[in-house]
């Protein structure tokens, strides 16, 4: 059992149908679960309250990145040492939580990514559509080139952070939409944080949330824009609040 406080945060939107099963599979070493309901149109908040989770409800929808900002601020206020983002739709396996937090607890990492691409065929076995696998690979390759890194996957939603990491990066300056995740990675590289990948699995099924082709295309273009800003900042061509300490 970890001595330090591990907190799971769940950025939620219309997750009433999957939340109970996901919560039941969270390992017992997790000290607290915080669910931030981004103005869902179903009973997500009621289900979370019945399960005994700490629930924060946005009065209006702010987006995936905006939801995460609330998640991390609340976890830090509650004294978390390690914060794990777990989607409440059951797409990522809660049973792998220890794998994500272990590198942080051992002092080897500040930020851990649960990569579905580390194990050959893992993403396909979980049902990830072909177009998403191809887009994931292409974007990750371009991001590695821009940042000088060699990660297997940079588009996973299964992540763990040390509290010190969240205090070190200016995540509140980031976007409120899906590209928030890419900005966090770019900030981690810019500020010299230690990033470790561990194998992870995901499941694609009818109740799991998933972006469509149009939203995915916009996300891909925004990801490339973040990388362009990163390169411009690194070579001194432009300043960016995203990379200002």
Foldseek 3Di string as FASTA:
>chain_A
DQPFAEEEEEEDAPLLVQQVVQVVQADPSHPAYEYEYQPHPDCPQVSCVVVVHHYHYDPHHQEDLVSVVVRLVVCVVVRHQKYKYDYSLQFWGNNCVCVQCVCVSVVNFFKEAADQQPDPCQAVVQPNDPVVVVLQQVLVVVLCVLLVHDDRGQQDPTMMGGNVLVVVFPLVPDGRYDCSSLLSVLLCSLVVGGYYYDHTHTHDDDSDDDDDPVVVVVSSVVSVVSSVVSNCVVVVNDDDPRNDD
